[in-house]
Amino acid sequence: MSKDLSREERLAAQLRANLKRRKAQKKAMASDEASRPDADSDHASPGLSNRAGEG
């Protein structure tokens, strides 16, 4: 039983770390976008693909 609990604690810690990292990345991307006054709306998210035309 304690083995399961430690596994749950470990997974919860990984989830918290992942959430923290993703929030930091989102904040960094937002500040980067705000610092570029000539950013086009078409190129606002270069890391994301446009999947509307796929499929």
Protein backbone atom coordinates (compact mmCIF):
# COMPACT_ATOMS: atom_id res chain seq x y z
CA MET A 1 0.00 0.00 0.00
CA SER A 2 2.77 2.46 0.82
CA LYS A 3 4.35 1.62 -2.53
CA ASP A 4 1.20 2.85 -4.29
CA LEU A 5 1.14 6.00 -2.18
CA SER A 6 4.75 6.82 -3.01
CA ARG A 7 3.99 6.26 -6.69
CA GLU A 8 1.01 8.62 -6.44
CA GLU A 9 3.14 11.21 -4.67
CA ARG A 10 5.83 10.88 -7.33
CA LEU A 11 3.29 11.27 -10.14
CA ALA A 12 1.69 14.25 -8.41
CA ALA A 13 5.11 15.90 -8.07
CA GLN A 14 5.76 15.32 -11.78
CA LEU A 15 2.40 16.85 -12.66
CA ARG A 16 3.10 19.90 -10.50
CA ALA A 17 6.54 20.34 -12.09
CA ASN A 18 5.06 20.00 -15.57
CA LEU A 19 2.34 22.55 -14.81
CA LYS A 20 4.89 24.98 -13.39
CA ARG A 21 7.12 24.57 -16.46
CA ARG A 22 4.22 25.06 -18.88
CA LYS A 23 3.04 28.18 -17.04
CA ALA A 24 6.56 29.60 -17.21
CA GLN A 25 6.77 28.83 -20.93
CA LYS A 26 3.39 30.49 -21.56
CA LYS A 27 4.46 33.56 -19.60
CA ALA A 28 7.77 33.73 -21.48
CA MET A 29 6.01 33.42 -24.84
CA ALA A 30 3.52 36.13 -23.89
CA SER A 31 6.27 38.53 -22.85
CA ASP A 32 8.22 37.71 -26.01
CA GLU A 33 5.17 38.45 -28.19
CA ALA A 34 4.51 41.70 -26.33
CA SER A 35 8.10 42.86 -26.86
CA ARG A 36 7.78 42.56 -30.66
CA PRO A 37 5.74 45.54 -31.87
CA ASP A 38 5.83 44.46 -35.55
CA ALA A 39 4.56 40.92 -34.95
CA ASP A 40 1.94 39.85 -37.50
CA SER A 41 -1.11 38.05 -36.23
CA ASP A 42 -0.46 35.33 -38.85
CA HIS A 43 2.89 34.55 -37.26
CA ALA A 44 1.96 35.06 -33.62
CA SER A 45 2.40 31.36 -32.79
CA PRO A 46 5.16 29.94 -34.99
CA GLY A 47 5.42 26.78 -32.87
CA LEU A 48 1.79 25.79 -33.45
CA SER A 49 0.66 24.15 -36.66
CA ASN A 50 -2.56 25.05 -38.39
CA ARG A 51 -4.55 21.82 -38.35
CA ALA A 52 -7.72 23.28 -39.83
CA GLY A 53 -6.60 22.36 -43.35
CA GLU A 54 -5.48 18.85 -42.38
CA GLY A 55 -7.66 15.78 -42.49
